[in-house]
């Protein structure tokens, strides 16, 4: 065997002996995780959409139109209608009530509208008659509970006020014009309303709510906007006042993975009233 062959055999033997030990000591290294500078470690999820974004756009558009129109004064008829009767009609109503009374000897009982007398130990009856005028002409409605009604009305007014609208109070302006009228005319509400609308008011907003089982809120609102100086109708429409819902979300369910659930209802009296106001603003911008 030549010297070259001996050297090759020796090297091969050493490699076979040292190979397993070298393989055990070798561990591949994972590449270092690097991020681009200035980037967050985890992506930030996109912000949730605001369900009222469309309403805020309507309010802003209305505010621009309103300012351009010279900030006209508005009068709101909530839960009442401007009817064609210019004079209030009244009916004469007479009521009679009676009651038994006990009287002593020689006693007499008198009171306003009635009188009674009896001898000792006897019972007497007394009757009272009352006559008054009851107004037949009335454009007001009766609607649900007071809490619901007041919540909706307050929200409508506050939404318009937040947009910069000048809203005249119906009762206040009627009281103001009635101070210059005779006692008989003060009883004529329709006449006083006519006078009130002549106090520089530009727009009349009538909002009539009606129960409606088919409506998502259980109510349908009929809205009518009239430009009083020209007696022209600017808008008339109906709305349920249903506020927009938030985004649906995926929710983990035990043993069933994920399911998509709708956002909770936002049908409070305040949000319903605000939606009626936003829907009205959309018609006026």
C-alpha atoms as a PDB file:
ATOM      1  CA  UNK A   1       0.000   0.000   0.000  1.00  0.00           C
ATOM      2  CA  UNK A   2       1.399   3.325  -0.989  1.00  0.00           C
ATOM      3  CA  UNK A   3       1.890   6.168   1.408  1.00  0.00           C
ATOM      4  CA  UNK A   4      -0.862   8.203  -0.368  1.00  0.00           C
ATOM      5  CA  UNK A   5      -3.321   5.395   0.059  1.00  0.00           C
ATOM      6  CA  UNK A   6      -2.476   5.067   3.744  1.00  0.00           C
ATOM      7  CA  UNK A   7      -3.053   8.778   4.343  1.00  0.00           C
ATOM      8  CA  UNK A   8      -6.497   8.693   2.632  1.00  0.00           C
ATOM      9  CA  UNK A   9      -7.589   5.661   4.714  1.00  0.00           C
ATOM     10  CA  UNK A  10      -6.481   7.322   7.925  1.00  0.00           C
ATOM     11  CA  UNK A  11      -8.426  10.524   7.138  1.00  0.00           C
ATOM     12  CA  UNK A  12     -11.558   8.556   6.221  1.00  0.00           C
ATOM     13  CA  UNK A  13     -11.406   6.613   9.471  1.00  0.00           C
ATOM     14  CA  UNK A  14     -11.113   9.814  11.515  1.00  0.00           C
ATOM     15  CA  UNK A  15     -14.046  11.359   9.706  1.00  0.00           C
ATOM     16  CA  UNK A  16     -16.255   8.328  10.346  1.00  0.00           C
ATOM     17  CA  UNK A  17     -15.392   8.375  14.045  1.00  0.00           C
ATOM     18  CA  UNK A  18     -15.888  12.137  14.545  1.00  0.00           C
ATOM     19  CA  UNK A  19     -18.953  12.486  12.285  1.00  0.00           C
ATOM     20  CA  UNK A  20     -21.752  11.648  14.818  1.00  0.00           C
ATOM     21  CA  UNK A  21     -20.269  13.952  17.442  1.00  0.00           C
ATOM     22  CA  UNK A  22     -20.049  16.787  14.966  1.00  0.00           C
ATOM     23  CA  UNK A  23     -23.639  16.205  13.817  1.00  0.00           C
ATOM     24  CA  UNK A  24     -24.935  16.329  17.425  1.00  0.00           C
ATOM     25  CA  UNK A  25     -23.116  19.568  18.153  1.00  0.00           C
ATOM     26  CA  UNK A  26     -24.505  21.277  15.059  1.00  0.00           C
ATOM     27  CA  UNK A  27     -27.777  23.107  15.456  1.00  0.00           C
ATOM     28  CA  UNK A  28     -29.201  25.211  12.595  1.00  0.00           C
ATOM     29  CA  UNK A  29     -29.903  28.775  13.660  1.00  0.00           C
ATOM     30  CA  UNK A  30     -33.285  30.388  12.832  1.00  0.00           C
ATOM     31  CA  UNK A  31     -32.988  33.672  11.011  1.00  0.00           C
ATOM     32  CA  UNK A  32     -33.414  36.710  13.264  1.00  0.00           C
ATOM     33  CA  UNK A  33     -36.887  38.275  13.157  1.00  0.00           C
ATOM     34  CA  UNK A  34     -36.607  41.835  12.035  1.00  0.00           C
ATOM     35  CA  UNK A  35     -39.185  44.591  11.486  1.00  0.00           C
ATOM     36  CA  UNK A  36     -38.953  47.679   9.418  1.00  0.00           C
ATOM     37  CA  UNK A  37     -38.084  50.663  11.517  1.00  0.00           C
ATOM     38  CA  UNK A  38     -41.015  52.873  12.519  1.00  0.00           C
ATOM     39  CA  UNK A  39     -43.628  50.137  12.042  1.00  0.00           C
ATOM     40  CA  UNK A  40     -45.800  48.810  14.917  1.00  0.00           C
ATOM     41  CA  UNK A  41     -45.296  45.259  16.162  1.00  0.00           C
ATOM     42  CA  UNK A  42     -48.987  44.431  15.515  1.00  0.00           C
ATOM     43  CA  UNK A  43     -51.259  46.007  12.949  1.00  0.00           C
ATOM     44  CA  UNK A  44     -53.851  48.319  14.532  1.00  0.00           C
ATOM     45  CA  UNK A  45     -57.411  47.290  13.590  1.00  0.00           C
ATOM     46  CA  UNK A  46     -59.381  49.884  11.617  1.00  0.00           C
ATOM     47  CA  UNK A  47     -61.671  52.092  13.740  1.00  0.00           C
ATOM     48  CA  UNK A  48     -65.318  51.096  13.983  1.00  0.00           C
ATOM     49  CA  UNK A  49     -67.689  53.110  11.832  1.00  0.00           C
ATOM     50  CA  UNK A  50     -69.778  55.639  13.745  1.00  0.00           C
ATOM     51  CA  UNK A  51     -73.460  54.753  13.203  1.00  0.00           C
ATOM     52  CA  UNK A  52     -74.382  58.435  13.463  1.00  0.00           C
ATOM     53  CA  UNK A  53     -71.909  59.633  10.833  1.00  0.00           C
ATOM     54  CA  UNK A  54     -74.682  60.071   8.246  1.00  0.00           C
ATOM     55  CA  UNK A  55     -76.813  62.014  10.720  1.00  0.00           C
ATOM     56  CA  UNK A  56     -73.938  64.346  11.527  1.00  0.00           C
ATOM     57  CA  UNK A  57     -73.532  64.995   7.812  1.00  0.00           C
ATOM     58  CA  UNK A  58     -77.240  65.864   7.561  1.00  0.00           C
ATOM     59  CA  UNK A  59     -76.931  68.243  10.508  1.00  0.00           C
ATOM     60  CA  UNK A  60     -73.907  69.985   9.002  1.00  0.00           C
ATOM     61  CA  UNK A  61     -75.629  70.365   5.632  1.00  0.00           C
ATOM     62  CA  UNK A  62     -78.741  71.738   7.322  1.00  0.00           C
ATOM     63  CA  UNK A  63     -76.656  74.233   9.317  1.00  0.00           C
ATOM     64  CA  UNK A  64     -75.073  75.549   6.109  1.00  0.00           C
ATOM     65  CA  UNK A  65     -78.465  75.866   4.402  1.00  0.00           C
ATOM     66  CA  UNK A  66     -79.958  77.500   7.487  1.00  0.00           C
ATOM     67  CA  UNK A  67     -77.193  80.099   7.742  1.00  0.00           C
ATOM     68  CA  UNK A  68     -77.478  80.834   4.021  1.00  0.00           C
ATOM     69  CA  UNK A  69     -81.243  81.324   4.386  1.00  0.00           C
ATOM     70  CA  UNK A  70     -80.705  84.029   7.030  1.00  0.00           C
ATOM     71  CA  UNK A  71     -81.459  81.833  10.078  1.00  0.00           C
ATOM     72  CA  UNK A  72     -85.273  81.873   9.704  1.00  0.00           C
ATOM     73  CA  UNK A  73     -87.425  81.456  12.799  1.00  0.00           C
ATOM     74  CA  UNK A  74     -89.220  78.114  13.135  1.00  0.00           C
ATOM     75  CA  UNK A  75     -92.308  77.027  15.069  1.00  0.00           C
ATOM     76  CA  UNK A  76     -92.844  73.374  15.906  1.00  0.00           C
ATOM     77  CA  UNK A  77     -96.240  71.745  16.416  1.00  0.00           C
ATOM     78  CA  UNK A  78     -95.431  68.514  18.234  1.00  0.00           C
ATOM     79  CA  UNK A  79     -98.292  66.011  18.423  1.00  0.00           C
ATOM     80  CA  UNK A  80    -100.747  68.560  17.088  1.00  0.00           C
ATOM     81  CA  UNK A  81    -101.931  69.591  13.649  1.00  0.00           C
ATOM     82  CA  UNK A  82    -102.626  72.903  11.953  1.00  0.00           C
ATOM     83  CA  UNK A  83    -106.280  72.387  11.055  1.00  0.00           C
ATOM     84  CA  UNK A  84    -108.419  74.467   8.739  1.00  0.00           C
ATOM     85  CA  UNK A  85    -110.728  75.828  11.468  1.00  0.00           C
ATOM     86  CA  UNK A  86    -109.683  79.421  12.101  1.00  0.00           C
ATOM     87  CA  UNK A  87    -112.016  79.735  15.097  1.00  0.00           C
ATOM     88  CA  UNK A  88    -112.437  77.459  18.080  1.00  0.00           C
ATOM     89  CA  UNK A  89    -115.896  75.974  18.434  1.00  0.00           C
ATOM     90  CA  UNK A  90    -117.432  75.436  21.880  1.00  0.00           C
ATOM     91  CA  UNK A  91    -120.304  73.355  23.233  1.00  0.00           C
ATOM     92  CA  UNK A  92    -122.412  74.288  26.242  1.00  0.00           C
ATOM     93  CA  UNK A  93    -122.165  71.539  28.837  1.00  0.00           C
ATOM     94  CA  UNK A  94    -124.389  71.242  31.918  1.00  0.00           C
ATOM     95  CA  UNK A  95    -123.747  68.781  34.727  1.00  0.00           C
ATOM     96  CA  UNK A  96    -125.825  68.027  37.819  1.00  0.00           C
ATOM     97  CA  UNK A  97    -124.658  66.255  40.935  1.00  0.00           C
ATOM     98  CA  UNK A  98    -126.669  65.347  44.039  1.00  0.00           C
ATOM     99  CA  UNK A  99    -125.866  64.066  47.497  1.00  0.00           C
ATOM    100  CA  UNK A 100    -127.758  63.191  50.675  1.00  0.00           C
ATOM    101  CA  UNK A 101    -127.255  65.257  53.830  1.00  0.00           C
ATOM    102  CA  UNK A 102    -128.460  64.987  57.419  1.00  0.00           C
ATOM    103  CA  UNK A 103    -129.965  68.091  59.016  1.00  0.00           C
ATOM    104  CA  UNK A 104    -131.063  68.969  62.542  1.00  0.00           C
ATOM    105  CA  UNK A 105    -134.210  70.758  63.732  1.00  0.00           C
ATOM    106  CA  UNK A 106    -134.758  74.014  61.953  1.00  0.00           C
ATOM    107  CA  UNK A 107    -131.451  73.755  60.100  1.00  0.00           C
ATOM    108  CA  UNK A 108    -130.962  74.921  56.565  1.00  0.00           C
ATOM    109  CA  UNK A 109    -127.950  74.276  54.376  1.00  0.00           C
ATOM    110  CA  UNK A 110    -127.142  76.593  51.560  1.00  0.00           C
ATOM    111  CA  UNK A 111    -124.358  76.655  49.088  1.00  0.00           C
ATOM    112  CA  UNK A 112    -123.478  77.960  45.666  1.00  0.00           C
ATOM    113  CA  UNK A 113    -126.061  76.764  43.178  1.00  0.00           C
ATOM    114  CA  UNK A 114    -128.144  74.736  45.581  1.00  0.00           C
ATOM    115  CA  UNK A 115    -130.093  74.898  48.860  1.00  0.00           C
ATOM    116  CA  UNK A 116    -131.645  72.339  51.213  1.00  0.00           C
ATOM    117  CA  UNK A 117    -133.760  72.418  54.365  1.00  0.00           C
ATOM    118  CA  UNK A 118    -135.426  69.824  56.576  1.00  0.00           C
ATOM    119  CA  UNK A 119    -137.029  69.316  59.956  1.00  0.00           C
ATOM    120  CA  UNK A 120    -135.498  67.476  62.867  1.00  0.00           C
ATOM    121  CA  UNK A 121    -134.423  63.878  62.328  1.00  0.00           C
ATOM    122  CA  UNK A 122    -134.960  63.818  58.572  1.00  0.00           C
ATOM    123  CA  UNK A 123    -132.599  63.469  55.638  1.00  0.00           C
ATOM    124  CA  UNK A 124    -132.464  65.952  52.796  1.00  0.00           C
ATOM    125  CA  UNK A 125    -130.944  65.868  49.356  1.00  0.00           C
ATOM    126  CA  UNK A 126    -128.867  68.556  47.719  1.00  0.00           C
ATOM    127  CA  UNK A 127    -128.158  69.024  44.041  1.00  0.00           C
ATOM    128  CA  UNK A 128    -125.697  71.196  42.231  1.00  0.00           C
ATOM    129  CA  UNK A 129    -125.822  72.270  38.615  1.00  0.00           C
ATOM    130  CA  UNK A 130    -122.838  73.535  36.695  1.00  0.00           C
ATOM    131  CA  UNK A 131    -122.768  74.961  33.205  1.00  0.00           C
ATOM    132  CA  UNK A 132    -119.610  75.649  31.216  1.00  0.00           C
ATOM    133  CA  UNK A 133    -118.191  75.894  27.704  1.00  0.00           C
ATOM    134  CA  UNK A 134    -116.156  72.988  26.351  1.00  0.00           C
ATOM    135  CA  UNK A 135    -113.941  73.515  23.336  1.00  0.00           C
ATOM    136  CA  UNK A 136    -114.791  71.176  20.461  1.00  0.00           C
ATOM    137  CA  UNK A 137    -112.039  72.284  18.101  1.00  0.00           C
ATOM    138  CA  UNK A 138    -108.720  70.886  19.261  1.00  0.00           C
ATOM    139  CA  UNK A 139    -105.856  69.779  17.045  1.00  0.00           C
ATOM    140  CA  UNK A 140    -103.885  67.998  19.759  1.00  0.00           C
ATOM    141  CA  UNK A 141    -103.411  64.240  19.807  1.00  0.00           C
ATOM    142  CA  UNK A 142    -103.146  61.746  22.636  1.00  0.00           C
ATOM    143  CA  UNK A 143    -100.032  59.624  22.302  1.00  0.00           C
ATOM    144  CA  UNK A 144     -98.497  56.947  24.523  1.00  0.00           C
ATOM    145  CA  UNK A 145     -96.989  57.643  27.916  1.00  0.00           C
ATOM    146  CA  UNK A 146     -95.900  61.075  29.045  1.00  0.00           C
ATOM    147  CA  UNK A 147     -92.307  59.917  29.529  1.00  0.00           C
ATOM    148  CA  UNK A 148     -92.037  58.614  25.962  1.00  0.00           C
ATOM    149  CA  UNK A 149     -93.739  61.699  24.525  1.00  0.00           C
ATOM    150  CA  UNK A 150     -91.582  64.147  26.448  1.00  0.00           C
ATOM    151  CA  UNK A 151     -88.402  62.247  25.630  1.00  0.00           C
ATOM    152  CA  UNK A 152     -89.106  62.308  21.894  1.00  0.00           C
ATOM    153  CA  UNK A 153     -90.196  65.968  21.865  1.00  0.00           C
ATOM    154  CA  UNK A 154     -87.181  67.136  23.873  1.00  0.00           C
ATOM    155  CA  UNK A 155     -84.781  65.253  21.606  1.00  0.00           C
ATOM    156  CA  UNK A 156     -86.306  66.789  18.462  1.00  0.00           C
ATOM    157  CA  UNK A 157     -85.966  70.294  19.858  1.00  0.00           C
ATOM    158  CA  UNK A 158     -82.438  69.782  21.189  1.00  0.00           C
ATOM    159  CA  UNK A 159     -81.238  68.336  17.883  1.00  0.00           C
ATOM    160  CA  UNK A 160     -82.479  71.396  15.998  1.00  0.00           C
ATOM    161  CA  UNK A 161     -81.030  73.730  18.627  1.00  0.00           C
ATOM    162  CA  UNK A 162     -77.657  71.973  18.389  1.00  0.00           C
ATOM    163  CA  UNK A 163     -77.645  72.731  14.660  1.00  0.00           C
ATOM    164  CA  UNK A 164     -78.172  76.432  15.406  1.00  0.00           C
ATOM    165  CA  UNK A 165     -81.908  76.650  14.619  1.00  0.00           C
ATOM    166  CA  UNK A 166     -84.094  79.333  16.175  1.00  0.00           C
ATOM    167  CA  UNK A 167     -87.202  77.580  17.506  1.00  0.00           C
ATOM    168  CA  UNK A 168     -90.148  79.609  18.833  1.00  0.00           C
ATOM    169  CA  UNK A 169     -92.110  78.128  21.734  1.00  0.00           C
ATOM    170  CA  UNK A 170     -95.774  77.754  20.780  1.00  0.00           C
ATOM    171  CA  UNK A 171     -97.209  78.330  24.253  1.00  0.00           C
ATOM    172  CA  UNK A 172     -95.020  81.363  24.902  1.00  0.00           C
ATOM    173  CA  UNK A 173     -95.906  83.135  21.658  1.00  0.00           C
ATOM    174  CA  UNK A 174     -99.632  82.405  22.158  1.00  0.00           C
ATOM    175  CA  UNK A 175     -99.509  83.884  25.647  1.00  0.00           C
ATOM    176  CA  UNK A 176     -97.700  86.905  24.254  1.00  0.00           C
ATOM    177  CA  UNK A 177    -100.266  87.669  21.558  1.00  0.00           C
ATOM    178  CA  UNK A 178    -103.220  86.910  23.869  1.00  0.00           C
ATOM    179  CA  UNK A 179    -102.276  89.776  26.188  1.00  0.00           C
ATOM    180  CA  UNK A 180    -103.500  92.229  23.557  1.00  0.00           C
ATOM    181  CA  UNK A 181    -106.815  90.453  22.936  1.00  0.00           C
ATOM    182  CA  UNK A 182    -110.215  90.629  24.591  1.00  0.00           C
ATOM    183  CA  UNK A 183    -111.333  88.026  27.096  1.00  0.00           C
ATOM    184  CA  UNK A 184    -113.486  86.297  24.466  1.00  0.00           C
ATOM    185  CA  UNK A 185    -110.656  86.155  21.933  1.00  0.00           C
ATOM    186  CA  UNK A 186    -108.304  84.650  24.499  1.00  0.00           C
ATOM    187  CA  UNK A 187    -110.499  81.556  24.540  1.00  0.00           C
ATOM    188  CA  UNK A 188    -110.133  81.125  20.791  1.00  0.00           C
ATOM    189  CA  UNK A 189    -106.974  79.017  20.508  1.00  0.00           C
ATOM    190  CA  UNK A 190    -107.178  78.706  16.726  1.00  0.00           C
ATOM    191  CA  UNK A 191    -107.363  82.486  16.407  1.00  0.00           C
ATOM    192  CA  UNK A 192    -104.403  82.913  18.751  1.00  0.00           C
ATOM    193  CA  UNK A 193    -102.383  80.373  16.770  1.00  0.00           C
ATOM    194  CA  UNK A 194    -103.070  82.378  13.626  1.00  0.00           C
ATOM    195  CA  UNK A 195    -101.832  85.531  15.316  1.00  0.00           C
ATOM    196  CA  UNK A 196     -98.790  83.698  16.668  1.00  0.00           C
ATOM    197  CA  UNK A 197     -97.738  82.530  13.212  1.00  0.00           C
ATOM    198  CA  UNK A 198     -97.731  86.153  12.090  1.00  0.00           C
ATOM    199  CA  UNK A 199     -94.978  87.060  14.549  1.00  0.00           C
ATOM    200  CA  UNK A 200     -92.143  86.797  12.039  1.00  0.00           C
ATOM    201  CA  UNK A 201     -92.168  82.998  11.945  1.00  0.00           C
ATOM    202  CA  UNK A 202     -90.932  81.620   8.635  1.00  0.00           C
ATOM    203  CA  UNK A 203     -91.348  77.863   8.935  1.00  0.00           C
ATOM    204  CA  UNK A 204     -93.933  75.679  10.644  1.00  0.00           C
ATOM    205  CA  UNK A 205     -92.900  72.089  11.415  1.00  0.00           C
ATOM    206  CA  UNK A 206     -95.784  69.737  12.226  1.00  0.00           C
ATOM    207  CA  UNK A 207     -94.896  66.330  13.668  1.00  0.00           C
ATOM    208  CA  UNK A 208     -97.735  63.851  14.213  1.00  0.00           C
ATOM    209  CA  UNK A 209     -96.915  60.448  15.774  1.00  0.00           C
ATOM    210  CA  UNK A 210     -99.173  57.436  15.296  1.00  0.00           C
ATOM    211  CA  UNK A 211     -98.864  53.932  16.725  1.00  0.00           C
ATOM    212  CA  UNK A 212     -97.860  51.492  13.983  1.00  0.00           C
ATOM    213  CA  UNK A 213     -97.261  47.804  14.682  1.00  0.00           C
ATOM    214  CA  UNK A 214     -95.443  47.418  11.340  1.00  0.00           C
ATOM    215  CA  UNK A 215     -92.897  50.137  12.187  1.00  0.00           C
ATOM    216  CA  UNK A 216     -89.556  49.011  13.698  1.00  0.00           C
ATOM    217  CA  UNK A 217     -90.053  51.540  16.503  1.00  0.00           C
ATOM    218  CA  UNK A 218     -93.788  50.921  16.858  1.00  0.00           C
ATOM    219  CA  UNK A 219     -94.430  54.490  15.691  1.00  0.00           C
ATOM    220  CA  UNK A 220     -94.803  56.299  12.381  1.00  0.00           C
ATOM    221  CA  UNK A 221     -94.186  60.057  12.386  1.00  0.00           C
ATOM    222  CA  UNK A 222     -95.833  62.234   9.730  1.00  0.00           C
ATOM    223  CA  UNK A 223     -93.780  65.394   9.234  1.00  0.00           C
ATOM    224  CA  UNK A 224     -94.864  68.457   7.296  1.00  0.00           C
ATOM    225  CA  UNK A 225     -92.814  71.628   6.808  1.00  0.00           C
ATOM    226  CA  UNK A 226     -94.597  74.754   5.580  1.00  0.00           C
ATOM    227  CA  UNK A 227     -93.095  78.095   4.564  1.00  0.00           C
ATOM    228  CA  UNK A 228     -95.623  80.399   6.217  1.00  0.00           C
ATOM    229  CA  UNK A 229     -95.016  83.680   4.308  1.00  0.00           C
ATOM    230  CA  UNK A 230     -95.886  81.930   1.032  1.00  0.00           C
ATOM    231  CA  UNK A 231     -98.033  79.091   2.487  1.00  0.00           C
ATOM    232  CA  UNK A 232     -96.016  76.630   0.429  1.00  0.00           C
ATOM    233  CA  UNK A 233     -95.178  73.105   1.559  1.00  0.00           C
ATOM    234  CA  UNK A 234     -91.425  72.514   1.610  1.00  0.00           C
ATOM    235  CA  UNK A 235     -91.595  68.861   2.665  1.00  0.00           C
ATOM    236  CA  UNK A 236     -94.001  66.161   3.778  1.00  0.00           C
ATOM    237  CA  UNK A 237     -92.931  62.618   4.582  1.00  0.00           C
ATOM    238  CA  UNK A 238     -93.212  59.789   7.077  1.00  0.00           C
ATOM    239  CA  UNK A 239     -90.456  58.207   9.132  1.00  0.00           C
ATOM    240  CA  UNK A 240     -90.193  55.524  11.784  1.00  0.00           C
ATOM    241  CA  UNK A 241     -87.482  57.464  13.615  1.00  0.00           C
ATOM    242  CA  UNK A 242     -85.400  54.294  13.767  1.00  0.00           C
ATOM    243  CA  UNK A 243     -81.819  55.266  14.696  1.00  0.00           C
ATOM    244  CA  UNK A 244     -79.040  53.574  12.691  1.00  0.00           C
ATOM    245  CA  UNK A 245     -77.478  50.486  14.239  1.00  0.00           C
ATOM    246  CA  UNK A 246     -73.817  49.947  14.910  1.00  0.00           C
ATOM    247  CA  UNK A 247     -71.686  47.419  13.044  1.00  0.00           C
ATOM    248  CA  UNK A 248     -72.352  43.694  13.440  1.00  0.00           C
ATOM    249  CA  UNK A 249     -69.611  41.816  15.302  1.00  0.00           C
ATOM    250  CA  UNK A 250     -68.203  38.282  15.225  1.00  0.00           C
ATOM    251  CA  UNK A 251     -68.599  36.637  18.623  1.00  0.00           C
ATOM    252  CA  UNK A 252     -66.971  33.388  19.828  1.00  0.00           C
ATOM    253  CA  UNK A 253     -69.494  30.665  20.667  1.00  0.00           C
ATOM    254  CA  UNK A 254     -68.581  27.638  22.797  1.00  0.00           C
ATOM    255  CA  UNK A 255     -68.115  24.632  20.562  1.00  0.00           C
ATOM    256  CA  UNK A 256     -69.494  26.421  17.515  1.00  0.00           C
ATOM    257  CA  UNK A 257     -66.692  28.707  16.414  1.00  0.00           C
ATOM    258  CA  UNK A 258     -67.831  32.233  15.637  1.00  0.00           C
ATOM    259  CA  UNK A 259     -71.172  33.752  14.713  1.00  0.00           C
ATOM    260  CA  UNK A 260     -72.038  37.211  13.455  1.00  0.00           C
ATOM    261  CA  UNK A 261     -74.331  39.151  15.772  1.00  0.00           C
ATOM    262  CA  UNK A 262     -76.149  42.401  15.038  1.00  0.00           C
ATOM    263  CA  UNK A 263     -75.485  45.452  17.163  1.00  0.00           C
ATOM    264  CA  UNK A 264     -77.887  46.034  20.068  1.00  0.00           C
ATOM    265  CA  UNK A 265     -80.984  48.168  19.556  1.00  0.00           C
ATOM    266  CA  UNK A 266     -80.671  51.933  20.073  1.00  0.00           C
ATOM    267  CA  UNK A 267     -84.407  52.659  20.141  1.00  0.00           C
ATOM    268  CA  UNK A 268     -84.640  54.995  23.127  1.00  0.00           C
ATOM    269  CA  UNK A 269     -87.129  57.906  23.090  1.00  0.00           C
ATOM    270  CA  UNK A 270     -84.204  60.331  22.890  1.00  0.00           C
ATOM    271  CA  UNK A 271     -82.530  58.654  19.903  1.00  0.00           C
ATOM    272  CA  UNK A 272     -85.871  58.188  18.123  1.00  0.00           C
ATOM    273  CA  UNK A 273     -86.639  61.900  18.515  1.00  0.00           C
ATOM    274  CA  UNK A 274     -83.167  62.866  17.315  1.00  0.00           C
ATOM    275  CA  UNK A 275     -83.608  60.684  14.233  1.00  0.00           C
ATOM    276  CA  UNK A 276     -86.905  62.392  13.385  1.00  0.00           C
ATOM    277  CA  UNK A 277     -85.085  65.733  13.561  1.00  0.00           C
ATOM    278  CA  UNK A 278     -82.213  64.492  11.358  1.00  0.00           C
ATOM    279  CA  UNK A 279     -84.675  63.127   8.794  1.00  0.00           C
ATOM    280  CA  UNK A 280     -86.393  66.529   8.723  1.00  0.00           C
ATOM    281  CA  UNK A 281     -83.087  68.336   8.293  1.00  0.00           C
ATOM    282  CA  UNK A 282     -82.322  66.151   5.292  1.00  0.00           C
ATOM    283  CA  UNK A 283     -85.403  67.541   3.540  1.00  0.00           C
ATOM    284  CA  UNK A 284     -84.412  71.165   4.221  1.00  0.00           C
ATOM    285  CA  UNK A 285     -80.750  71.226   3.268  1.00  0.00           C
END
